[in-house]
Amino acid sequence: LSGLDPAQPYFQGTPIEVRLDKSDAEFVDIIHTDSAPTIPYLGFGMSTAIGHLDFYPNGGKQMPGCGKNPISQIVDLDGIWEGTRDFVACNHLRSYKYYSDSIIYPDGFLGYSCASYDVFETERCFPCPPEGCPNMGHFADKFKGKIKNNFLKLYLNTGEAKDFALWRYKVTVTLSGKHKVKGYVNIALYGSDGNTRQHQIVQGTLQPDNSYTSFIDAEVNVGTVTTVKFLWNNNWLNPTLPKLGAANITVQSGAN
């Protein structure tokens, strides 16, 4: 059974006979997309972990792309009816959109086991453990025989619009140069199966010999990384024309 943002009002905190529970089937996976409290945030979805696998994409409360201004959301690319539904319950309805996208991307939507979404944003829940990470959505049941914990909470990020699947990489850049400057560093990954756009790794003071680590949620699974594009820029014009390079760049795929 796959629970697509199971309802919160009148169901959260009730006995298992009343609501969806992992005792209802051999395998129950849940996608939580609208789990903010009903009052005052009008969250329609349940926040409690109730399945064998509970996925909390983007933290499970506010989905990217659901904060668009009302006019553009109602006049949606998918049509007025779809846009109006999204305006009323955009976070809630993301659950079925993620599920349908997961059919198209069998290797996408990896969920990382973590204590919370805040911890997920650190290095403590990366990469996947030896048994791998489950895929949110249609292929979650591939993980069926690997569940050890009573409840497994899983976190991931998604895109703002279709296609929603993202692939997580950890990138560490060690800078070379003579003087520190203020600016930002962007990285793009090129691989056997595709290329990413530029992703910002660090912004602020850039110190030569220092290492900077960030996560990239890439819009494409690049496959085997063949090239890394490194770009940096000043925040403002600098008459001394400083130079920075990348002494070393390490790319780690979350999947393997």
C-alpha atoms as a PDB file:
ATOM      1  CA  LEU A   1       0.000   0.000   0.000  1.00  0.00           C
ATOM      2  CA  SER A   2       1.283   3.478  -0.894  1.00  0.00           C
ATOM      3  CA  GLY A   3      -0.136   6.349   1.169  1.00  0.00           C
ATOM      4  CA  LEU A   4      -0.086   9.617  -0.775  1.00  0.00           C
ATOM      5  CA  ASP A   5      -0.087  12.281   1.953  1.00  0.00           C
ATOM      6  CA  PRO A   6      -2.623  10.520   4.225  1.00  0.00           C
ATOM      7  CA  ALA A   7      -5.139  12.950   5.708  1.00  0.00           C
ATOM      8  CA  GLN A   8      -4.372  14.703   8.982  1.00  0.00           C
ATOM      9  CA  PRO A   9      -7.743  16.188  10.123  1.00  0.00           C
ATOM     10  CA  TYR A  10      -9.745  13.578  12.098  1.00  0.00           C
ATOM     11  CA  PHE A  11      -7.088  10.889  11.508  1.00  0.00           C
ATOM     12  CA  GLN A  12      -3.768  11.952  13.071  1.00  0.00           C
ATOM     13  CA  GLY A  13      -3.325  10.511  16.557  1.00  0.00           C
ATOM     14  CA  THR A  14      -6.246   8.110  16.221  1.00  0.00           C
ATOM     15  CA  PRO A  15      -6.127   4.314  16.831  1.00  0.00           C
ATOM     16  CA  ILE A  16      -4.683   2.228  13.999  1.00  0.00           C
ATOM     17  CA  GLU A  17      -8.133   0.792  13.241  1.00  0.00           C
ATOM     18  CA  VAL A  18      -9.249   4.258  12.119  1.00  0.00           C
ATOM     19  CA  ARG A  19      -6.355   5.319   9.898  1.00  0.00           C
ATOM     20  CA  LEU A  20      -3.750   3.899   7.529  1.00  0.00           C
ATOM     21  CA  ASP A  21      -1.099   1.890   9.390  1.00  0.00           C
ATOM     22  CA  LYS A  22       1.740  -0.459   8.482  1.00  0.00           C
ATOM     23  CA  SER A  23      -0.276  -3.358   9.910  1.00  0.00           C
ATOM     24  CA  ASP A  24      -2.710  -2.917   6.978  1.00  0.00           C
ATOM     25  CA  ALA A  25      -0.417  -4.672   4.466  1.00  0.00           C
ATOM     26  CA  GLU A  26       2.826  -6.580   4.081  1.00  0.00           C
ATOM     27  CA  PHE A  27       4.471  -3.353   2.956  1.00  0.00           C
ATOM     28  CA  VAL A  28       3.255   0.234   3.482  1.00  0.00           C
ATOM     29  CA  ASP A  29       5.140   3.251   2.161  1.00  0.00           C
ATOM     30  CA  ILE A  30       4.070   6.839   2.794  1.00  0.00           C
ATOM     31  CA  ILE A  31       4.807  10.151   1.052  1.00  0.00           C
ATOM     32  CA  HIS A  32       4.265  13.156   3.373  1.00  0.00           C
ATOM     33  CA  THR A  33       3.958  16.470   1.494  1.00  0.00           C
ATOM     34  CA  ASP A  34       1.606  18.687   3.533  1.00  0.00           C
ATOM     35  CA  SER A  35       2.301  17.811   7.158  1.00  0.00           C
ATOM     36  CA  ALA A  36       2.320  21.306   8.667  1.00  0.00           C
ATOM     37  CA  PRO A  37      -0.287  21.717  11.448  1.00  0.00           C
ATOM     38  CA  THR A  38      -3.831  22.227  10.148  1.00  0.00           C
ATOM     39  CA  ILE A  39      -4.133  25.308  12.334  1.00  0.00           C
ATOM     40  CA  PRO A  40      -2.830  27.840  11.383  1.00  0.00           C
ATOM     41  CA  TYR A  41      -1.097  26.487   8.254  1.00  0.00           C
ATOM     42  CA  LEU A  42      -3.952  24.470   6.692  1.00  0.00           C
ATOM     43  CA  GLY A  43      -1.811  21.358   6.449  1.00  0.00           C
ATOM     44  CA  PHE A  44      -3.971  18.539   5.082  1.00  0.00           C
ATOM     45  CA  GLY A  45      -1.435  15.720   5.547  1.00  0.00           C
ATOM     46  CA  MET A  46      -0.364  13.613   8.503  1.00  0.00           C
ATOM     47  CA  SER A  47       3.090  14.246  10.014  1.00  0.00           C
ATOM     48  CA  THR A  48       3.340  11.008  12.029  1.00  0.00           C
ATOM     49  CA  ALA A  49       5.381   8.097  10.666  1.00  0.00           C
ATOM     50  CA  ILE A  50       2.831   5.321  10.082  1.00  0.00           C
ATOM     51  CA  GLY A  51       4.347   3.030   7.426  1.00  0.00           C
ATOM     52  CA  HIS A  52       7.312   0.736   6.990  1.00  0.00           C
ATOM     53  CA  LEU A  53       8.918   3.593   5.031  1.00  0.00           C
ATOM     54  CA  ASP A  54       7.906   7.232   5.546  1.00  0.00           C
ATOM     55  CA  PHE A  55       9.262   9.712   3.016  1.00  0.00           C
ATOM     56  CA  TYR A  56       9.377  13.442   3.833  1.00  0.00           C
ATOM     57  CA  PRO A  57      10.374  15.188   0.579  1.00  0.00           C
ATOM     58  CA  ASN A  58      11.668  18.735   1.183  1.00  0.00           C
ATOM     59  CA  GLY A  59      10.926  18.189   4.892  1.00  0.00           C
ATOM     60  CA  GLY A  60       7.320  17.157   4.261  1.00  0.00           C
ATOM     61  CA  LYS A  61       5.654  20.532   4.890  1.00  0.00           C
ATOM     62  CA  GLN A  62       6.294  23.067   2.119  1.00  0.00           C
ATOM     63  CA  MET A  63       6.974  21.857  -1.420  1.00  0.00           C
ATOM     64  CA  PRO A  64       9.119  23.852  -3.887  1.00  0.00           C
ATOM     65  CA  GLY A  65       7.012  25.536  -6.555  1.00  0.00           C
ATOM     66  CA  CYS A  66       3.953  25.805  -4.310  1.00  0.00           C
ATOM     67  CA  GLY A  67       4.818  29.366  -3.300  1.00  0.00           C
ATOM     68  CA  LYS A  68       4.156  30.795  -6.775  1.00  0.00           C
ATOM     69  CA  ASN A  69       1.929  33.852  -6.946  1.00  0.00           C
ATOM     70  CA  PRO A  70      -1.782  32.886  -7.129  1.00  0.00           C
ATOM     71  CA  ILE A  71      -2.378  34.157 -10.681  1.00  0.00           C
ATOM     72  CA  SER A  72       0.455  32.159 -12.259  1.00  0.00           C
ATOM     73  CA  GLN A  73      -0.568  29.118 -10.241  1.00  0.00           C
ATOM     74  CA  ILE A  74      -4.203  29.226 -11.354  1.00  0.00           C
ATOM     75  CA  VAL A  75      -3.267  29.866 -15.006  1.00  0.00           C
ATOM     76  CA  ASP A  76      -1.150  26.719 -14.890  1.00  0.00           C
ATOM     77  CA  LEU A  77       0.628  25.097 -17.841  1.00  0.00           C
ATOM     78  CA  ASP A  78      -1.436  21.968 -17.172  1.00  0.00           C
ATOM     79  CA  GLY A  79      -4.702  23.917 -17.477  1.00  0.00           C
ATOM     80  CA  ILE A  80      -7.043  26.084 -15.404  1.00  0.00           C
ATOM     81  CA  TRP A  81      -8.537  23.119 -13.498  1.00  0.00           C
ATOM     82  CA  GLU A  82      -5.140  21.711 -12.544  1.00  0.00           C
ATOM     83  CA  GLY A  83      -3.852  25.167 -11.616  1.00  0.00           C
ATOM     84  CA  THR A  84      -6.889  25.939  -9.445  1.00  0.00           C
ATOM     85  CA  ARG A  85      -6.486  22.642  -7.566  1.00  0.00           C
ATOM     86  CA  ASP A  86      -2.802  23.428  -7.043  1.00  0.00           C
ATOM     87  CA  PHE A  87      -3.668  26.861  -5.696  1.00  0.00           C
ATOM     88  CA  VAL A  88      -6.035  25.354  -3.127  1.00  0.00           C
ATOM     89  CA  ALA A  89      -3.982  22.301  -2.106  1.00  0.00           C
ATOM     90  CA  CYS A  90      -0.627  22.431  -3.916  1.00  0.00           C
ATOM     91  CA  ASN A  91       1.484  20.764  -1.206  1.00  0.00           C
ATOM     92  CA  HIS A  92      -1.095  18.028  -0.642  1.00  0.00           C
ATOM     93  CA  LEU A  93      -1.344  17.197  -4.355  1.00  0.00           C
ATOM     94  CA  ARG A  94       2.420  17.035  -4.863  1.00  0.00           C
ATOM     95  CA  SER A  95       2.349  13.504  -3.411  1.00  0.00           C
ATOM     96  CA  TYR A  96       0.648  11.941  -6.445  1.00  0.00           C
ATOM     97  CA  LYS A  97       2.789  14.015  -8.844  1.00  0.00           C
ATOM     98  CA  TYR A  98       5.968  12.713  -7.194  1.00  0.00           C
ATOM     99  CA  TYR A  99       4.569   9.189  -7.373  1.00  0.00           C
ATOM    100  CA  SER A 100       3.781   9.411 -11.096  1.00  0.00           C
ATOM    101  CA  ASP A 101       7.223  10.896 -11.795  1.00  0.00           C
ATOM    102  CA  SER A 102       8.827   8.049  -9.848  1.00  0.00           C
ATOM    103  CA  ILE A 103       7.504   5.575 -12.435  1.00  0.00           C
ATOM    104  CA  ILE A 104       9.443   7.429 -15.146  1.00  0.00           C
ATOM    105  CA  TYR A 105      12.645   7.673 -13.033  1.00  0.00           C
ATOM    106  CA  PRO A 106      13.236   4.264 -11.376  1.00  0.00           C
ATOM    107  CA  ASP A 107      16.657   5.407 -10.073  1.00  0.00           C
ATOM    108  CA  GLY A 108      15.366   8.760  -8.791  1.00  0.00           C
ATOM    109  CA  PHE A 109      13.860  10.043  -5.530  1.00  0.00           C
ATOM    110  CA  LEU A 110      16.375   8.343  -3.206  1.00  0.00           C
ATOM    111  CA  GLY A 111      15.329   8.794   0.430  1.00  0.00           C
ATOM    112  CA  TYR A 112      18.110   9.227   3.020  1.00  0.00           C
ATOM    113  CA  SER A 113      17.487   7.835   6.495  1.00  0.00           C
ATOM    114  CA  CYS A 114      17.792  10.686   8.964  1.00  0.00           C
ATOM    115  CA  ALA A 115      16.593  11.983  12.319  1.00  0.00           C
ATOM    116  CA  SER A 116      15.104  15.141  10.777  1.00  0.00           C
ATOM    117  CA  TYR A 117      15.185  17.335   7.687  1.00  0.00           C
ATOM    118  CA  ASP A 118      17.603  19.738   9.379  1.00  0.00           C
ATOM    119  CA  VAL A 119      20.033  16.874   9.990  1.00  0.00           C
ATOM    120  CA  PHE A 120      19.552  15.714   6.388  1.00  0.00           C
ATOM    121  CA  GLU A 121      21.064  19.020   5.245  1.00  0.00           C
ATOM    122  CA  THR A 122      24.315  18.110   7.075  1.00  0.00           C
ATOM    123  CA  GLU A 123      26.865  15.384   6.243  1.00  0.00           C
ATOM    124  CA  ARG A 124      25.559  12.959   8.877  1.00  0.00           C
ATOM    125  CA  CYS A 125      23.018  11.256   6.592  1.00  0.00           C
ATOM    126  CA  PHE A 126      25.154  10.963   3.478  1.00  0.00           C
ATOM    127  CA  PRO A 127      25.892   8.843   1.477  1.00  0.00           C
ATOM    128  CA  CYS A 128      23.510   5.860   1.402  1.00  0.00           C
ATOM    129  CA  PRO A 129      24.375   2.957   3.753  1.00  0.00           C
ATOM    130  CA  PRO A 130      25.759  -0.324   2.312  1.00  0.00           C
ATOM    131  CA  GLU A 131      22.240  -1.709   1.745  1.00  0.00           C
ATOM    132  CA  GLY A 132      21.409   1.393  -0.302  1.00  0.00           C
ATOM    133  CA  CYS A 133      18.600   3.929  -0.023  1.00  0.00           C
ATOM    134  CA  PRO A 134      14.945   3.228  -0.869  1.00  0.00           C
ATOM    135  CA  ASN A 135      13.313   5.038  -3.783  1.00  0.00           C
ATOM    136  CA  MET A 136      10.280   7.126  -2.900  1.00  0.00           C
ATOM    137  CA  GLY A 137       7.198   6.217  -4.900  1.00  0.00           C
ATOM    138  CA  HIS A 138       6.451   3.341  -7.219  1.00  0.00           C
ATOM    139  CA  PHE A 139       9.685   1.413  -6.618  1.00  0.00           C
ATOM    140  CA  ALA A 140       9.794   1.753  -2.818  1.00  0.00           C
ATOM    141  CA  ASP A 141       8.963  -1.943  -2.470  1.00  0.00           C
ATOM    142  CA  LYS A 142      12.406  -2.878  -3.835  1.00  0.00           C
ATOM    143  CA  PHE A 143      13.563  -2.087  -0.276  1.00  0.00           C
ATOM    144  CA  LYS A 144      11.036  -4.423   1.310  1.00  0.00           C
ATOM    145  CA  GLY A 145      13.468  -7.042   2.692  1.00  0.00           C
ATOM    146  CA  LYS A 146      16.002  -4.499   4.009  1.00  0.00           C
ATOM    147  CA  ILE A 147      13.975  -2.716   6.711  1.00  0.00           C
ATOM    148  CA  LYS A 148      15.507  -3.110  10.176  1.00  0.00           C
ATOM    149  CA  ASN A 149      13.977  -0.254  12.163  1.00  0.00           C
ATOM    150  CA  ASN A 150      10.450  -0.012  13.524  1.00  0.00           C
ATOM    151  CA  PHE A 151       9.861   3.174  11.531  1.00  0.00           C
ATOM    152  CA  LEU A 152      12.212   4.494   8.861  1.00  0.00           C
ATOM    153  CA  LYS A 153      12.010   8.251   8.231  1.00  0.00           C
ATOM    154  CA  LEU A 154      13.530   9.244   4.907  1.00  0.00           C
ATOM    155  CA  TYR A 155      14.359  12.676   3.533  1.00  0.00           C
ATOM    156  CA  LEU A 156      15.112  14.035   0.066  1.00  0.00           C
ATOM    157  CA  ASN A 157      14.697  17.132  -2.075  1.00  0.00           C
ATOM    158  CA  THR A 158      12.663  17.498  -5.266  1.00  0.00           C
ATOM    159  CA  GLY A 159      12.450  19.975  -8.116  1.00  0.00           C
ATOM    160  CA  GLU A 160       9.989  22.870  -8.260  1.00  0.00           C
ATOM    161  CA  ALA A 161       8.146  21.518 -11.297  1.00  0.00           C
ATOM    162  CA  LYS A 162       7.924  18.419 -13.426  1.00  0.00           C
ATOM    163  CA  ASP A 163      10.290  16.631 -13.768  1.00  0.00           C
ATOM    164  CA  PHE A 164      10.591  16.443  -9.984  1.00  0.00           C
ATOM    165  CA  ALA A 165      13.391  13.864  -9.571  1.00  0.00           C
ATOM    166  CA  LEU A 166      16.783  15.091  -8.273  1.00  0.00           C
ATOM    167  CA  TRP A 167      20.061  13.253  -7.644  1.00  0.00           C
ATOM    168  CA  ARG A 168      22.189  14.186  -4.618  1.00  0.00           C
ATOM    169  CA  TYR A 169      25.962  14.703  -4.756  1.00  0.00           C
ATOM    170  CA  LYS A 170      28.439  16.005  -2.193  1.00  0.00           C
ATOM    171  CA  VAL A 171      31.055  18.352  -3.628  1.00  0.00           C
ATOM    172  CA  THR A 172      34.189  19.521  -1.804  1.00  0.00           C
ATOM    173  CA  VAL A 173      36.362  22.227  -3.372  1.00  0.00           C
ATOM    174  CA  THR A 174      39.868  23.165  -2.159  1.00  0.00           C
ATOM    175  CA  LEU A 175      40.860  26.591  -3.456  1.00  0.00           C
ATOM    176  CA  SER A 176      44.258  27.738  -4.702  1.00  0.00           C
ATOM    177  CA  GLY A 177      45.463  31.326  -5.009  1.00  0.00           C
ATOM    178  CA  LYS A 178      47.396  34.011  -3.154  1.00  0.00           C
ATOM    179  CA  HIS A 179      44.817  36.268  -1.538  1.00  0.00           C
ATOM    180  CA  LYS A 180      41.381  35.846  -0.009  1.00  0.00           C
ATOM    181  CA  VAL A 181      38.512  37.568  -1.789  1.00  0.00           C
ATOM    182  CA  LYS A 182      34.767  37.936  -1.367  1.00  0.00           C
ATOM    183  CA  GLY A 183      32.660  36.200  -3.959  1.00  0.00           C
ATOM    184  CA  TYR A 184      31.086  32.868  -4.831  1.00  0.00           C
ATOM    185  CA  VAL A 185      32.032  29.517  -6.349  1.00  0.00           C
ATOM    186  CA  ASN A 186      29.826  27.582  -8.779  1.00  0.00           C
ATOM    187  CA  ILE A 187      30.270  23.973  -9.884  1.00  0.00           C
ATOM    188  CA  ALA A 188      28.703  22.069 -12.795  1.00  0.00           C
ATOM    189  CA  LEU A 189      29.036  18.301 -13.261  1.00  0.00           C
ATOM    190  CA  TYR A 190      29.486  16.636 -16.641  1.00  0.00           C
ATOM    191  CA  GLY A 191      29.058  12.879 -16.950  1.00  0.00           C
ATOM    192  CA  SER A 192      28.422   9.893 -19.171  1.00  0.00           C
ATOM    193  CA  ASP A 193      24.630  10.331 -18.934  1.00  0.00           C
ATOM    194  CA  GLY A 194      24.213  14.109 -18.827  1.00  0.00           C
ATOM    195  CA  ASN A 195      25.282  17.481 -17.462  1.00  0.00           C
ATOM    196  CA  THR A 196      23.995  19.663 -14.624  1.00  0.00           C
ATOM    197  CA  ARG A 197      23.460  23.390 -14.496  1.00  0.00           C
ATOM    198  CA  GLN A 198      25.761  25.491 -12.303  1.00  0.00           C
ATOM    199  CA  HIS A 199      25.253  24.997  -8.560  1.00  0.00           C
ATOM    200  CA  GLN A 200      26.619  27.373  -5.920  1.00  0.00           C
ATOM    201  CA  ILE A 201      29.003  25.725  -3.448  1.00  0.00           C
ATOM    202  CA  VAL A 202      29.968  28.697  -1.277  1.00  0.00           C
ATOM    203  CA  GLN A 203      29.337  32.435  -1.057  1.00  0.00           C
ATOM    204  CA  GLY A 204      31.266  34.912   1.087  1.00  0.00           C
ATOM    205  CA  THR A 205      34.973  35.041   1.900  1.00  0.00           C
ATOM    206  CA  LEU A 206      36.985  32.695  -0.326  1.00  0.00           C
ATOM    207  CA  GLN A 207      40.257  31.714   1.329  1.00  0.00           C
ATOM    208  CA  PRO A 208      42.986  29.929  -0.696  1.00  0.00           C
ATOM    209  CA  ASP A 209      43.941  26.490   0.729  1.00  0.00           C
ATOM    210  CA  ASN A 210      40.560  26.237   2.473  1.00  0.00           C
ATOM    211  CA  SER A 211      38.091  23.487   1.578  1.00  0.00           C
ATOM    212  CA  TYR A 212      34.374  24.147   1.109  1.00  0.00           C
ATOM    213  CA  THR A 213      31.721  21.433   1.064  1.00  0.00           C
ATOM    214  CA  SER A 214      28.142  21.610  -0.169  1.00  0.00           C
ATOM    215  CA  PHE A 215      25.416  19.328  -1.465  1.00  0.00           C
ATOM    216  CA  ILE A 216      24.126  19.467  -5.015  1.00  0.00           C
ATOM    217  CA  ASP A 217      20.634  18.201  -5.769  1.00  0.00           C
ATOM    218  CA  ALA A 218      21.171  17.777  -9.487  1.00  0.00           C
ATOM    219  CA  GLU A 219      18.346  17.776 -12.002  1.00  0.00           C
ATOM    220  CA  VAL A 220      19.967  14.899 -13.889  1.00  0.00           C
ATOM    221  CA  ASN A 221      21.721  11.650 -12.987  1.00  0.00           C
ATOM    222  CA  VAL A 222      25.078  12.382 -14.642  1.00  0.00           C
ATOM    223  CA  GLY A 223      26.259   8.756 -14.445  1.00  0.00           C
ATOM    224  CA  THR A 224      30.053   8.503 -14.318  1.00  0.00           C
ATOM    225  CA  VAL A 225      31.481  11.990 -13.694  1.00  0.00           C
ATOM    226  CA  THR A 226      33.946  12.884 -16.467  1.00  0.00           C
ATOM    227  CA  THR A 227      34.445  16.636 -15.999  1.00  0.00           C
ATOM    228  CA  VAL A 228      33.824  19.226 -13.301  1.00  0.00           C
ATOM    229  CA  LYS A 229      33.414  22.842 -14.356  1.00  0.00           C
ATOM    230  CA  PHE A 230      34.684  25.339 -11.761  1.00  0.00           C
ATOM    231  CA  LEU A 231      33.707  29.012 -11.878  1.00  0.00           C
ATOM    232  CA  TRP A 232      34.232  31.748  -9.354  1.00  0.00           C
ATOM    233  CA  ASN A 233      33.373  35.431  -9.358  1.00  0.00           C
ATOM    234  CA  ASN A 234      33.815  38.568  -7.272  1.00  0.00           C
ATOM    235  CA  ASN A 235      30.860  40.189  -5.592  1.00  0.00           C
ATOM    236  CA  TRP A 236      32.093  43.476  -7.061  1.00  0.00           C
ATOM    237  CA  LEU A 237      34.746  44.799  -9.433  1.00  0.00           C
ATOM    238  CA  ASN A 238      38.239  44.351  -7.970  1.00  0.00           C
ATOM    239  CA  PRO A 239      41.006  46.464  -9.588  1.00  0.00           C
ATOM    240  CA  THR A 240      43.709  44.079  -8.284  1.00  0.00           C
ATOM    241  CA  LEU A 241      42.321  41.325 -10.580  1.00  0.00           C
ATOM    242  CA  PRO A 242      42.621  38.489  -8.053  1.00  0.00           C
ATOM    243  CA  LYS A 243      42.912  34.915  -9.285  1.00  0.00           C
ATOM    244  CA  LEU A 244      41.524  31.763  -7.693  1.00  0.00           C
ATOM    245  CA  GLY A 245      41.712  28.192  -8.872  1.00  0.00           C
ATOM    246  CA  ALA A 246      40.509  24.782  -7.756  1.00  0.00           C
ATOM    247  CA  ALA A 247      43.451  22.828  -6.333  1.00  0.00           C
ATOM    248  CA  ASN A 248      41.195  19.837  -5.777  1.00  0.00           C
ATOM    249  CA  ILE A 249      37.529  18.916  -6.292  1.00  0.00           C
ATOM    250  CA  THR A 250      35.948  15.771  -4.829  1.00  0.00           C
ATOM    251  CA  VAL A 251      32.533  14.607  -6.015  1.00  0.00           C
ATOM    252  CA  GLN A 252      30.649  11.886  -4.106  1.00  0.00           C
ATOM    253  CA  SER A 253      27.419  10.323  -5.355  1.00  0.00           C
ATOM    254  CA  GLY A 254      24.853   9.654  -2.643  1.00  0.00           C
ATOM    255  CA  ALA A 255      23.621   6.499  -4.343  1.00  0.00           C
ATOM    256  CA  ASN A 256      26.929   4.595  -4.414  1.00  0.00           C
END
